[in-house]
Amino acid sequence: MSEKKTIALVSSTINAVGPMTAYIRKTAPDLKVVNYLDGGMMAKVKQDGGITPETIKRFTDMIANAFADGADGVIMTCTIFSPWAQAFTETYHQPVVPADIAMLDNASKCPGRTAIICTFEGTVETTRNGYFTYRRKNGMPEEVDMYPVPTAFEAAQRGDMDECNRIVVEKIQELDPQYDQIVLAQISMSGAATLIEPKHAKLFTSPSEALQEMLEKLKA
């Protein structure tokens, strides 16, 4: 019998840990999941006004520890560090998959109007830039509307995921008639996605896309 592959989830907020772990265990039970968390990092990013060499080092240390402990691949659950994923892959010669990239790529191929909802305002620019990268790659115009919902992030930070989900669901309902695609930028919103079926827009969430990309890289 072949040994289980180990996927490390590297996170800077606990809000992403539960949804991603639960999704992998439900849909890919043959994988072993381990978590690496620096729960104070998002507060540090907010305090510093963005990513700094110190926060990059803290995040890099978690990835290094994951591979040193035997992980076969890393899924980065925090979208604010997505631009560094390729550099991490090249450094460690093992797959490092940002949670949002496959989702943004797939969403970027769709015609019509797209809205992206972000709970953490610090990820707005990073997510927009990532989306536009794929719009250019796929020959689509660089158009998107960004919607920060900081009250959802604050609720999640308090551990009130019911309130976080309620806020996100309300925003989806508000945007649904106006858009063809609605993208939920953070994994922490995946719970809200299970509570609503938009009448018009296609809803994109990251857990399924990130896992699929990781599985493809592990087979390569």
C-alpha atoms as a PDB file:
ATOM      1  CA  MET A   1       0.000   0.000   0.000  1.00  0.00           C
ATOM      2  CA  SER A   2       1.411   3.420  -0.958  1.00  0.00           C
ATOM      3  CA  GLU A   3       2.048   5.923   1.804  1.00  0.00           C
ATOM      4  CA  LYS A   4      -0.355   8.837   2.132  1.00  0.00           C
ATOM      5  CA  LYS A   5       0.776  12.124   0.632  1.00  0.00           C
ATOM      6  CA  THR A   6       1.038  14.936   3.170  1.00  0.00           C
ATOM      7  CA  ILE A   7      -0.393  18.373   2.408  1.00  0.00           C
ATOM      8  CA  ALA A   8       0.594  21.226   4.700  1.00  0.00           C
ATOM      9  CA  LEU A   9      -1.783  24.152   5.069  1.00  0.00           C
ATOM     10  CA  VAL A  10       0.226  27.277   5.862  1.00  0.00           C
ATOM     11  CA  SER A  11      -1.991  29.986   7.321  1.00  0.00           C
ATOM     12  CA  SER A  12      -1.795  33.447   8.791  1.00  0.00           C
ATOM     13  CA  THR A  13      -5.341  33.392  10.159  1.00  0.00           C
ATOM     14  CA  ILE A  14      -7.206  30.616  11.919  1.00  0.00           C
ATOM     15  CA  ASN A  15     -10.342  31.532   9.943  1.00  0.00           C
ATOM     16  CA  ALA A  16      -9.011  29.651   6.905  1.00  0.00           C
ATOM     17  CA  VAL A  17      -7.807  26.551   8.740  1.00  0.00           C
ATOM     18  CA  GLY A  18     -11.139  24.862   9.467  1.00  0.00           C
ATOM     19  CA  PRO A  19     -12.800  25.245   6.043  1.00  0.00           C
ATOM     20  CA  MET A  20      -9.757  24.101   4.043  1.00  0.00           C
ATOM     21  CA  THR A  21      -8.954  21.206   6.383  1.00  0.00           C
ATOM     22  CA  ALA A  22     -12.566  20.022   6.353  1.00  0.00           C
ATOM     23  CA  TYR A  23     -12.791  20.244   2.566  1.00  0.00           C
ATOM     24  CA  ILE A  24      -9.655  18.174   1.978  1.00  0.00           C
ATOM     25  CA  ARG A  25     -10.625  15.534   4.536  1.00  0.00           C
ATOM     26  CA  LYS A  26     -14.073  15.213   2.968  1.00  0.00           C
ATOM     27  CA  THR A  27     -13.073  15.168  -0.703  1.00  0.00           C
ATOM     28  CA  ALA A  28      -9.579  13.642  -0.575  1.00  0.00           C
ATOM     29  CA  PRO A  29      -9.451  11.360   2.488  1.00  0.00           C
ATOM     30  CA  ASP A  30      -6.347   9.648   1.099  1.00  0.00           C
ATOM     31  CA  LEU A  31      -4.333  12.798   1.874  1.00  0.00           C
ATOM     32  CA  LYS A  32      -2.823  13.578   5.261  1.00  0.00           C
ATOM     33  CA  VAL A  33      -3.367  17.208   6.325  1.00  0.00           C
ATOM     34  CA  VAL A  34      -1.113  19.111   8.711  1.00  0.00           C
ATOM     35  CA  ASN A  35      -1.469  22.758   9.698  1.00  0.00           C
ATOM     36  CA  TYR A  36       1.071  25.519  10.291  1.00  0.00           C
ATOM     37  CA  LEU A  37      -0.392  28.729  11.711  1.00  0.00           C
ATOM     38  CA  ASP A  38       0.971  32.134  12.685  1.00  0.00           C
ATOM     39  CA  GLY A  39      -2.166  33.618  14.190  1.00  0.00           C
ATOM     40  CA  GLY A  40      -0.686  37.038  14.873  1.00  0.00           C
ATOM     41  CA  MET A  41       0.476  37.741  11.350  1.00  0.00           C
ATOM     42  CA  MET A  42      -2.616  39.477   9.951  1.00  0.00           C
ATOM     43  CA  ALA A  43      -2.609  41.942  12.833  1.00  0.00           C
ATOM     44  CA  LYS A  44       1.068  42.584  12.073  1.00  0.00           C
ATOM     45  CA  VAL A  45       0.345  43.128   8.368  1.00  0.00           C
ATOM     46  CA  LYS A  46      -2.439  45.561   9.258  1.00  0.00           C
ATOM     47  CA  GLN A  47      -0.219  47.379  11.761  1.00  0.00           C
ATOM     48  CA  ASP A  48       2.628  47.670   9.240  1.00  0.00           C
ATOM     49  CA  GLY A  49       0.338  48.757   6.418  1.00  0.00           C
ATOM     50  CA  GLY A  50       1.263  45.770   4.253  1.00  0.00           C
ATOM     51  CA  ILE A  51       3.806  43.003   3.753  1.00  0.00           C
ATOM     52  CA  THR A  52       7.288  43.654   5.154  1.00  0.00           C
ATOM     53  CA  PRO A  53      10.535  41.637   5.098  1.00  0.00           C
ATOM     54  CA  GLU A  54       9.700  40.530   8.654  1.00  0.00           C
ATOM     55  CA  THR A  55       6.302  39.084   7.726  1.00  0.00           C
ATOM     56  CA  ILE A  56       7.761  37.442   4.612  1.00  0.00           C
ATOM     57  CA  LYS A  57      10.368  35.763   6.837  1.00  0.00           C
ATOM     58  CA  ARG A  58       7.707  34.576   9.276  1.00  0.00           C
ATOM     59  CA  PHE A  59       5.663  33.083   6.464  1.00  0.00           C
ATOM     60  CA  THR A  60       8.732  31.571   4.797  1.00  0.00           C
ATOM     61  CA  ASP A  61       9.730  29.930   8.077  1.00  0.00           C
ATOM     62  CA  MET A  62       6.382  28.117   8.227  1.00  0.00           C
ATOM     63  CA  ILE A  63       6.831  26.784   4.701  1.00  0.00           C
ATOM     64  CA  ALA A  64      10.402  25.704   5.475  1.00  0.00           C
ATOM     65  CA  ASN A  65       9.201  23.887   8.598  1.00  0.00           C
ATOM     66  CA  ALA A  66       6.433  22.151   6.642  1.00  0.00           C
ATOM     67  CA  PHE A  67       8.854  20.730   4.092  1.00  0.00           C
ATOM     68  CA  ALA A  68      11.415  19.867   6.773  1.00  0.00           C
ATOM     69  CA  ASP A  69       8.678  17.874   8.512  1.00  0.00           C
ATOM     70  CA  GLY A  70       8.010  15.863   5.362  1.00  0.00           C
ATOM     71  CA  ALA A  71       5.193  17.658   3.544  1.00  0.00           C
ATOM     72  CA  ASP A  72       4.822  16.745  -0.125  1.00  0.00           C
ATOM     73  CA  GLY A  73       3.174  20.059  -0.946  1.00  0.00           C
ATOM     74  CA  VAL A  74       2.017  23.296   0.666  1.00  0.00           C
ATOM     75  CA  ILE A  75      -1.269  25.120   0.162  1.00  0.00           C
ATOM     76  CA  MET A  76      -0.989  28.752   1.241  1.00  0.00           C
ATOM     77  CA  THR A  77      -4.399  29.656   2.630  1.00  0.00           C
ATOM     78  CA  CYS A  78      -3.641  33.381   2.957  1.00  0.00           C
ATOM     79  CA  THR A  79      -4.120  35.233  -0.328  1.00  0.00           C
ATOM     80  CA  ILE A  80      -2.000  38.211   0.644  1.00  0.00           C
ATOM     81  CA  PHE A  81       1.137  36.068   0.157  1.00  0.00           C
ATOM     82  CA  SER A  82       0.042  34.609  -3.208  1.00  0.00           C
ATOM     83  CA  PRO A  83       2.539  36.671  -5.276  1.00  0.00           C
ATOM     84  CA  TRP A  84       5.414  34.829  -3.570  1.00  0.00           C
ATOM     85  CA  ALA A  85       4.159  31.291  -4.301  1.00  0.00           C
ATOM     86  CA  GLN A  86       6.314  30.747  -7.382  1.00  0.00           C
ATOM     87  CA  ALA A  87       9.423  31.921  -5.537  1.00  0.00           C
ATOM     88  CA  PHE A  88       8.653  29.480  -2.706  1.00  0.00           C
ATOM     89  CA  THR A  89       8.217  26.629  -5.210  1.00  0.00           C
ATOM     90  CA  GLU A  90      11.558  27.428  -6.836  1.00  0.00           C
ATOM     91  CA  THR A  91      13.302  27.719  -3.457  1.00  0.00           C
ATOM     92  CA  TYR A  92      12.103  24.384  -2.057  1.00  0.00           C
ATOM     93  CA  HIS A  93      11.686  22.474  -5.358  1.00  0.00           C
ATOM     94  CA  GLN A  94       8.302  21.236  -4.188  1.00  0.00           C
ATOM     95  CA  PRO A  95       4.804  22.494  -5.000  1.00  0.00           C
ATOM     96  CA  VAL A  96       3.548  25.567  -3.156  1.00  0.00           C
ATOM     97  CA  VAL A  97       0.006  26.426  -4.258  1.00  0.00           C
ATOM     98  CA  PRO A  98      -1.707  29.697  -3.316  1.00  0.00           C
ATOM     99  CA  ALA A  99      -5.341  29.079  -2.464  1.00  0.00           C
ATOM    100  CA  ASP A 100      -6.762  31.683  -4.825  1.00  0.00           C
ATOM    101  CA  ILE A 101      -4.714  31.450  -8.030  1.00  0.00           C
ATOM    102  CA  ALA A 102      -6.530  28.574  -9.783  1.00  0.00           C
ATOM    103  CA  MET A 103      -9.863  30.144  -8.824  1.00  0.00           C
ATOM    104  CA  LEU A 104      -8.846  33.546 -10.234  1.00  0.00           C
ATOM    105  CA  ASP A 105      -7.590  31.908 -13.423  1.00  0.00           C
ATOM    106  CA  ASN A 106     -10.883  30.085 -13.979  1.00  0.00           C
ATOM    107  CA  ALA A 107     -12.994  33.135 -13.132  1.00  0.00           C
ATOM    108  CA  SER A 108     -10.921  35.331 -15.439  1.00  0.00           C
ATOM    109  CA  LYS A 109     -11.928  33.256 -18.470  1.00  0.00           C
ATOM    110  CA  CYS A 110     -15.596  34.134 -18.012  1.00  0.00           C
ATOM    111  CA  PRO A 111     -17.271  36.938 -19.985  1.00  0.00           C
ATOM    112  CA  GLY A 112     -19.485  39.543 -18.401  1.00  0.00           C
ATOM    113  CA  ARG A 113     -19.168  41.465 -15.149  1.00  0.00           C
ATOM    114  CA  THR A 114     -17.191  40.110 -12.199  1.00  0.00           C
ATOM    115  CA  ALA A 115     -17.264  41.123  -8.538  1.00  0.00           C
ATOM    116  CA  ILE A 116     -14.643  39.992  -6.028  1.00  0.00           C
ATOM    117  CA  ILE A 117     -15.500  40.024  -2.322  1.00  0.00           C
ATOM    118  CA  CYS A 118     -12.606  40.357   0.155  1.00  0.00           C
ATOM    119  CA  THR A 119     -12.976  40.128   3.917  1.00  0.00           C
ATOM    120  CA  PHE A 120      -9.477  41.479   4.638  1.00  0.00           C
ATOM    121  CA  GLU A 121      -8.907  44.884   3.040  1.00  0.00           C
ATOM    122  CA  GLY A 122      -5.167  44.232   2.829  1.00  0.00           C
ATOM    123  CA  THR A 123      -5.811  41.611   0.138  1.00  0.00           C
ATOM    124  CA  VAL A 124      -7.793  43.843  -2.231  1.00  0.00           C
ATOM    125  CA  GLU A 125      -4.844  45.046  -4.309  1.00  0.00           C
ATOM    126  CA  THR A 126      -3.104  41.651  -4.333  1.00  0.00           C
ATOM    127  CA  THR A 127      -6.267  39.877  -5.465  1.00  0.00           C
ATOM    128  CA  ARG A 128      -7.091  42.479  -8.112  1.00  0.00           C
ATOM    129  CA  ASN A 129      -3.573  42.290  -9.528  1.00  0.00           C
ATOM    130  CA  GLY A 130      -3.686  38.493  -9.581  1.00  0.00           C
ATOM    131  CA  TYR A 131      -7.038  38.530 -11.359  1.00  0.00           C
ATOM    132  CA  PHE A 132      -5.790  41.019 -13.954  1.00  0.00           C
ATOM    133  CA  THR A 133      -2.716  38.854 -14.594  1.00  0.00           C
ATOM    134  CA  TYR A 134      -5.007  36.040 -15.681  1.00  0.00           C
ATOM    135  CA  ARG A 135      -7.344  38.349 -17.604  1.00  0.00           C
ATOM    136  CA  ARG A 136      -4.340  39.420 -19.697  1.00  0.00           C
ATOM    137  CA  LYS A 137      -3.205  35.811 -20.107  1.00  0.00           C
ATOM    138  CA  ASN A 138      -6.663  34.785 -21.268  1.00  0.00           C
ATOM    139  CA  GLY A 139      -7.101  37.766 -23.601  1.00  0.00           C
ATOM    140  CA  MET A 140      -9.864  39.389 -21.556  1.00  0.00           C
ATOM    141  CA  PRO A 141     -10.301  43.086 -20.634  1.00  0.00           C
ATOM    142  CA  GLU A 142      -8.938  44.160 -17.255  1.00  0.00           C
ATOM    143  CA  GLU A 143     -12.233  44.921 -15.558  1.00  0.00           C
ATOM    144  CA  VAL A 144     -13.424  43.912 -12.086  1.00  0.00           C
ATOM    145  CA  ASP A 145     -15.223  45.454  -9.119  1.00  0.00           C
ATOM    146  CA  MET A 146     -13.759  44.858  -5.664  1.00  0.00           C
ATOM    147  CA  TYR A 147     -15.965  44.734  -2.556  1.00  0.00           C
ATOM    148  CA  PRO A 148     -14.238  44.698   0.852  1.00  0.00           C
ATOM    149  CA  VAL A 149     -16.414  43.500   3.741  1.00  0.00           C
ATOM    150  CA  PRO A 150     -14.244  44.257   6.794  1.00  0.00           C
ATOM    151  CA  THR A 151     -17.114  43.614   9.207  1.00  0.00           C
ATOM    152  CA  ALA A 152     -17.093  39.968   8.083  1.00  0.00           C
ATOM    153  CA  PHE A 153     -13.368  39.754   8.845  1.00  0.00           C
ATOM    154  CA  GLU A 154     -13.926  41.329  12.266  1.00  0.00           C
ATOM    155  CA  ALA A 155     -16.674  38.812  13.037  1.00  0.00           C
ATOM    156  CA  ALA A 156     -14.431  35.925  11.996  1.00  0.00           C
ATOM    157  CA  GLN A 157     -11.628  37.276  14.175  1.00  0.00           C
ATOM    158  CA  ARG A 158     -14.027  37.167  17.130  1.00  0.00           C
ATOM    159  CA  GLY A 159     -14.805  33.555  16.278  1.00  0.00           C
ATOM    160  CA  ASP A 160     -18.351  34.423  15.193  1.00  0.00           C
ATOM    161  CA  MET A 161     -18.463  32.579  11.869  1.00  0.00           C
ATOM    162  CA  ASP A 162     -22.277  32.679  11.808  1.00  0.00           C
ATOM    163  CA  GLU A 163     -22.130  36.475  11.700  1.00  0.00           C
ATOM    164  CA  CYS A 164     -19.289  36.394   9.162  1.00  0.00           C
ATOM    165  CA  ASN A 165     -21.316  34.085   6.915  1.00  0.00           C
ATOM    166  CA  ARG A 166     -24.445  36.231   7.315  1.00  0.00           C
ATOM    167  CA  ILE A 167     -22.584  39.362   6.186  1.00  0.00           C
ATOM    168  CA  VAL A 168     -21.064  37.595   3.186  1.00  0.00           C
ATOM    169  CA  VAL A 169     -24.396  36.033   2.173  1.00  0.00           C
ATOM    170  CA  GLU A 170     -26.043  39.462   2.301  1.00  0.00           C
ATOM    171  CA  LYS A 171     -23.314  40.902   0.075  1.00  0.00           C
ATOM    172  CA  ILE A 172     -23.719  38.028  -2.409  1.00  0.00           C
ATOM    173  CA  GLN A 173     -27.489  38.625  -2.496  1.00  0.00           C
ATOM    174  CA  GLU A 174     -26.905  42.333  -3.085  1.00  0.00           C
ATOM    175  CA  LEU A 175     -24.456  41.763  -5.950  1.00  0.00           C
ATOM    176  CA  ASP A 176     -26.133  38.764  -7.589  1.00  0.00           C
ATOM    177  CA  PRO A 177     -28.484  40.676  -9.951  1.00  0.00           C
ATOM    178  CA  GLN A 178     -25.668  42.972 -11.114  1.00  0.00           C
ATOM    179  CA  TYR A 179     -22.884  40.473 -11.907  1.00  0.00           C
ATOM    180  CA  ASP A 180     -22.201  37.353 -13.948  1.00  0.00           C
ATOM    181  CA  GLN A 181     -19.464  36.071 -11.608  1.00  0.00           C
ATOM    182  CA  ILE A 182     -18.927  36.590  -7.876  1.00  0.00           C
ATOM    183  CA  VAL A 183     -15.551  35.518  -6.502  1.00  0.00           C
ATOM    184  CA  LEU A 184     -15.019  34.911  -2.778  1.00  0.00           C
ATOM    185  CA  ALA A 185     -11.359  35.801  -2.342  1.00  0.00           C
ATOM    186  CA  GLN A 186     -10.754  34.218   1.064  1.00  0.00           C
ATOM    187  CA  ILE A 187     -11.172  30.586   2.122  1.00  0.00           C
ATOM    188  CA  SER A 188     -12.915  31.783   5.284  1.00  0.00           C
ATOM    189  CA  MET A 189     -15.945  32.696   3.125  1.00  0.00           C
ATOM    190  CA  SER A 190     -16.414  29.169   1.778  1.00  0.00           C
ATOM    191  CA  GLY A 191     -18.913  28.431   4.554  1.00  0.00           C
ATOM    192  CA  ALA A 192     -21.118  31.269   3.335  1.00  0.00           C
ATOM    193  CA  ALA A 193     -21.063  29.795  -0.164  1.00  0.00           C
ATOM    194  CA  THR A 194     -22.826  26.677   1.123  1.00  0.00           C
ATOM    195  CA  LEU A 195     -25.693  28.815   2.447  1.00  0.00           C
ATOM    196  CA  ILE A 196     -26.724  30.485  -0.794  1.00  0.00           C
ATOM    197  CA  GLU A 197     -27.304  29.625  -4.430  1.00  0.00           C
ATOM    198  CA  PRO A 198     -27.176  32.830  -6.487  1.00  0.00           C
ATOM    199  CA  LYS A 199     -29.996  33.228  -9.009  1.00  0.00           C
ATOM    200  CA  HIS A 200     -27.844  34.891 -11.662  1.00  0.00           C
ATOM    201  CA  ALA A 201     -24.125  34.987 -10.905  1.00  0.00           C
ATOM    202  CA  LYS A 202     -21.760  32.021 -10.879  1.00  0.00           C
ATOM    203  CA  LEU A 203     -20.074  31.744  -7.481  1.00  0.00           C
ATOM    204  CA  PHE A 204     -16.356  30.948  -7.238  1.00  0.00           C
ATOM    205  CA  THR A 205     -14.688  29.701  -4.035  1.00  0.00           C
ATOM    206  CA  SER A 206     -11.099  28.618  -3.533  1.00  0.00           C
ATOM    207  CA  PRO A 207     -10.916  25.272  -1.627  1.00  0.00           C
ATOM    208  CA  SER A 208     -11.901  23.041  -4.571  1.00  0.00           C
ATOM    209  CA  GLU A 209      -9.722  24.917  -7.070  1.00  0.00           C
ATOM    210  CA  ALA A 210      -6.662  24.935  -4.781  1.00  0.00           C
ATOM    211  CA  LEU A 211      -6.930  21.229  -3.992  1.00  0.00           C
ATOM    212  CA  GLN A 212      -7.351  20.299  -7.652  1.00  0.00           C
ATOM    213  CA  GLU A 213      -4.240  22.268  -8.604  1.00  0.00           C
ATOM    214  CA  MET A 214      -2.242  20.623  -5.813  1.00  0.00           C
ATOM    215  CA  LEU A 215      -3.343  17.136  -6.887  1.00  0.00           C
ATOM    216  CA  GLU A 216      -2.260  17.873 -10.452  1.00  0.00           C
ATOM    217  CA  LYS A 217       1.151  19.083  -9.275  1.00  0.00           C
ATOM    218  CA  LEU A 218       1.660  15.999  -7.094  1.00  0.00           C
ATOM    219  CA  LYS A 219       0.990  13.768 -10.115  1.00  0.00           C
ATOM    220  CA  ALA A 220       3.461  15.663 -12.322  1.00  0.00           C
END
